[in-house]
Protein backbone atom coordinates (compact mmCIF):
# COMPACT_ATOMS: atom_id res chain seq x y z
CA MET A 1 130.96 65.98 82.22
CA LYS A 2 128.15 68.52 82.60
CA ILE A 3 124.67 67.51 81.54
CA PRO A 4 121.22 69.08 82.03
CA GLY A 5 118.49 67.21 83.81
CA LYS A 6 115.10 67.41 85.51
CA ILE A 7 114.43 66.80 89.21
CA LEU A 8 111.77 64.13 89.56
CA SER A 9 111.58 63.93 93.34
CA VAL A 10 113.25 65.21 96.52
CA ASP A 11 113.40 63.28 99.79
CA ASN A 12 115.54 65.10 102.38
CA ASP A 13 119.12 64.56 101.12
CA THR A 14 118.13 62.35 98.18
CA LEU A 15 117.45 63.72 94.68
CA LEU A 16 116.04 61.68 91.81
CA ILE A 17 117.18 63.31 88.57
CA ARG A 18 116.50 62.34 84.96
CA VAL A 19 119.40 63.56 82.83
CA GLN A 20 119.33 64.37 79.13
CA ALA A 21 122.23 62.13 78.16
CA ASP A 22 123.48 58.56 78.28
CA ALA A 23 124.93 58.97 81.76
CA GLN A 24 125.17 55.24 82.39
CA SER A 25 127.68 54.60 79.61
CA TRP A 26 129.76 57.64 80.54
CA CYS A 27 129.88 56.71 84.25
CA LEU A 28 130.80 53.11 83.45
CA ASP A 29 133.52 54.14 81.00
CA HIS A 30 135.07 56.58 83.47
CA GLY A 31 134.42 54.75 86.71
CA ALA A 32 132.56 57.77 88.08
CA ARG A 33 131.25 57.46 91.64
CA GLU A 34 130.69 61.09 92.66
CA ALA A 35 128.85 64.09 91.19
CA GLU A 36 128.34 67.77 91.88
CA VAL A 37 124.79 69.08 91.52
CA ARG A 38 123.94 72.68 90.64
CA ILE A 39 120.25 73.43 91.16
CA ASP A 40 118.60 76.14 89.05
CA ASP A 41 115.86 77.90 90.99
CA GLY A 42 114.21 79.11 87.79
CA ARG A 43 114.90 82.80 88.30
CA THR A 44 116.19 84.53 85.17
CA ILE A 45 118.44 87.55 84.75
CA THR A 46 116.89 90.82 85.88
CA ALA A 47 116.72 93.97 83.77
CA LEU A 48 119.07 95.69 86.24
CA GLN A 49 121.65 92.90 85.98
CA ARG A 50 121.50 93.06 82.20
CA ARG A 51 122.01 96.85 82.21
CA LYS A 52 125.00 96.55 84.55
CA ILE A 53 126.58 93.81 82.44
CA TYR A 54 126.20 95.71 79.17
CA ALA A 55 127.43 98.95 80.76
CA THR A 56 130.55 97.15 81.97
CA ILE A 57 131.07 95.54 78.57
CA ARG A 58 130.82 98.97 76.92
CA ASP A 59 133.41 100.39 79.33
CA ILE A 60 135.80 97.52 78.60
CA ALA A 61 135.22 97.87 74.86
CA GLU A 62 136.02 101.58 74.94
CA TRP A 63 139.17 100.90 76.98
CA MET A 64 140.26 98.10 74.63
CA GLY A 65 139.33 99.97 71.46
CA ASP A 66 137.03 97.17 70.31
CA THR A 67 133.32 96.74 69.71
CA PRO A 68 130.98 95.82 72.58
CA GLU A 69 129.75 92.77 70.66
CA ALA A 70 133.28 91.42 70.19
CA VAL A 71 134.05 92.05 73.88
CA LYS A 72 130.85 90.30 74.95
CA ILE A 73 131.67 87.23 72.85
CA TYR A 74 135.23 87.05 74.19
CA PHE A 75 134.33 87.44 77.85
CA LYS A 76 131.47 84.95 77.66
CA TRP A 77 133.91 82.45 76.15
CA SER A 78 136.56 83.25 78.77
CA PHE A 79 134.05 83.05 81.65
CA CYS A 80 132.67 79.70 80.50
CA GLY A 81 136.19 78.30 80.22
CA ASP A 82 137.40 79.59 83.58
CA GLU A 83 134.21 78.72 85.46
CA GLU A 84 133.53 75.46 83.58
CA HIS A 85 130.11 76.76 82.64
CA GLU A 86 128.03 75.96 79.57
CA ASP A 87 127.37 78.71 77.04
CA PHE A 88 124.47 81.05 77.83
CA SER A 89 122.46 83.95 76.46
CA LEU A 90 122.14 87.24 78.31
CA SER A 91 118.49 87.32 77.27
CA ASN A 92 117.40 84.46 79.52
CA VAL A 93 120.38 83.24 81.58
CA ASP A 94 119.65 82.35 85.20
CA LYS A 95 120.10 85.04 87.84
CA GLU A 96 122.98 83.28 89.61
CA THR A 97 125.06 82.95 86.44
CA ALA A 98 124.33 86.57 85.51
CA SER A 99 125.63 87.70 88.89
CA ALA A 100 128.77 85.56 88.54
CA PHE A 101 129.41 86.91 85.03
CA LEU A 102 128.99 90.48 86.23
CA SER A 103 131.50 89.83 89.03
CA TYR A 104 133.88 88.32 86.47
CA LEU A 105 133.72 91.50 84.37
CA ILE A 106 134.18 93.71 87.44
CA ASP A 107 137.22 91.68 88.52
CA PHE A 108 138.78 92.34 85.12
CA CYS A 109 138.10 96.07 85.41
CA ILE A 110 139.67 96.25 88.87
CA GLN A 111 142.73 94.19 87.95
CA ASN A 112 143.40 96.21 84.79
CA GLY A 113 142.35 99.66 85.92
CA VAL A 114 139.56 99.99 83.34
CA PRO A 115 137.88 103.42 83.71
CA CYS A 116 134.15 102.92 84.13
CA SER A 117 131.22 105.27 83.66
CA ASP A 118 129.74 104.28 87.04
CA PRO A 119 131.49 103.39 90.29
CA LEU A 120 132.01 99.62 90.46
CA TRP A 121 130.79 99.45 94.05
CA ASP A 122 127.42 100.51 92.67
CA ARG A 123 127.44 97.80 90.00
CA CYS A 124 128.67 94.83 92.00
CA GLU A 125 126.34 92.29 93.59
CA ASP A 126 128.97 90.27 95.47
CA ILE A 127 130.49 92.88 97.78
CA GLU A 128 132.88 90.42 99.43
CA ARG A 129 134.35 89.42 96.07
CA TYR A 130 134.57 93.08 95.07
CA MET A 131 136.40 94.00 98.29
CA TYR A 132 138.76 91.04 97.89
CA ALA A 133 139.72 92.16 94.38
CA CYS A 134 140.24 95.75 95.54
CA VAL A 135 142.44 94.68 98.46
CA MET A 136 144.56 92.28 96.40
CA THR A 137 145.20 94.93 93.73
CA ARG A 138 145.45 97.85 96.18
CA THR A 139 142.57 99.63 94.47
CA CYS A 140 140.48 102.16 96.38
CA CYS A 141 137.08 100.56 96.78
CA ILE A 142 135.37 103.97 96.59
CA THR A 143 137.24 105.96 93.93
CA GLY A 144 138.82 103.13 91.91
CA LYS A 145 142.26 104.74 92.23
CA LYS A 146 145.32 102.49 92.30
CA ASN A 147 148.03 102.42 95.00
CA ALA A 148 145.38 102.43 97.72
CA GLN A 149 146.37 102.29 101.37
CA ILE A 150 145.13 99.37 103.47
CA HIS A 151 143.08 100.97 106.21
CA HIS A 152 142.50 98.84 109.31
CA TYR A 153 138.87 99.01 110.34
CA ASP A 154 139.84 96.92 113.37
CA ARG A 155 142.33 99.24 115.03
CA ILE A 156 145.74 97.78 115.79
CA GLY A 157 146.12 99.95 118.87
CA MET A 158 148.81 102.09 120.45
CA GLY A 159 152.12 100.45 121.22
CA ARG A 160 151.57 97.50 118.85
CA ASN A 161 153.86 97.10 115.86
CA ARG A 162 151.77 96.29 112.79
CA ASP A 163 154.80 94.64 111.18
CA THR A 164 155.24 92.07 113.94
CA ILE A 165 151.67 91.19 114.94
CA CYS A 166 149.50 88.71 113.08
CA GLN A 167 146.86 90.57 111.07
CA VAL A 168 144.93 87.53 109.84
CA GLY A 169 141.25 88.06 110.66
CA MET A 170 141.50 91.84 110.99
CA ARG A 171 139.00 93.75 108.87
CA VAL A 172 140.40 96.23 106.36
CA VAL A 173 139.28 98.65 103.65
CA PRO A 174 141.50 99.72 100.70
CA LEU A 175 141.29 103.52 100.44
CA SER A 176 142.95 106.28 98.46
CA ALA A 177 145.39 108.40 100.47
CA ASP A 178 143.06 111.41 100.71
CA ILE A 179 140.07 109.38 101.92
CA HIS A 180 142.28 107.48 104.37
CA THR A 181 143.55 110.75 105.83
CA MET A 182 140.06 112.21 106.01
CA ILE A 183 138.78 109.24 108.00
CA HIS A 184 141.58 109.47 110.55
CA TYR A 185 141.16 113.22 111.08
CA SER A 186 137.46 113.84 110.43
CA GLY A 187 135.74 110.55 111.32
CA GLY A 188 132.44 109.53 109.76
CA GLU A 189 133.87 106.18 108.68
CA ASP A 190 130.76 104.01 109.05
CA GLU A 191 128.56 106.62 107.38
CA LEU A 192 130.97 106.73 104.42
CA TYR A 193 130.89 102.95 104.02
CA GLU A 194 127.12 102.83 104.28
CA LYS A 195 126.79 105.53 101.60
CA HIS A 196 128.95 103.54 99.20
CA HIS A 197 127.63 100.08 100.17
CA ILE A 198 131.08 99.09 101.43
CA THR A 199 131.73 96.33 103.97
CA PRO A 200 135.20 95.87 105.52
CA ILE A 201 136.74 92.51 104.66
CA ALA A 202 138.65 90.20 106.99
CA LEU A 203 142.25 89.49 105.99
CA THR A 204 143.09 85.89 105.18
CA GLU A 205 146.55 84.37 105.40
CA LYS A 206 146.76 84.49 101.59
CA MET A 207 145.91 88.19 101.55
CA CYS A 208 148.46 88.98 104.24
CA ARG A 209 151.18 87.12 102.35
CA HIS A 210 150.30 88.85 99.08
CA LEU A 211 150.32 92.31 100.66
CA ASN A 212 153.19 91.59 103.05
CA LEU A 213 151.09 92.56 106.07
CA GLY A 214 152.21 91.64 109.58
CA LYS A 215 153.55 88.38 110.88
CA ILE A 216 152.24 85.23 109.17
CA PRO A 217 151.31 82.39 111.53
CA ILE A 218 153.12 79.08 111.13
CA THR A 219 150.63 76.46 109.92
């Protein structure tokens, strides 16, 4: 059950909240003893966020052959269902939800290879989530090309077999073949990442299993 409310007082780790519903009956009926609180800081969607969201919706609509309005309605419905979020308006939604919705749209574009009018690294606000999606789909985080190569920012080193060592925790960047080759022969790696707002991401056990990278530790 998700219900809106107003914070009446705060005392260290104790919140007094007045909710806009008959919470007592619901809690008694369901035997509820725990709750998760999401605090709205009052900041609303920025003009830049709104432009990025609508630009991404237009790109998806063109790729799908549908209208932007229909795409917006569908993805808002899908986002609210997947994220267990109440319905919202892009005119006054809070900044945090706007950022999450933008990331949701970008994830879809990466997973489905949607051609976009702007590079997605320039639209995203959650760079770690963006890099995770690019790695898991082997998408170049700079060009958006598929079949990217997993470049190890943390060098494996001479004499070490990348197929037999554990790569969990190593930082990587998914790059197209031409960019990957350029980095190895011409350098300028950190400058390239800074230019494109890219941050190498550390491999998790899940990522290594999905990509079949190295030896997986026994847990």
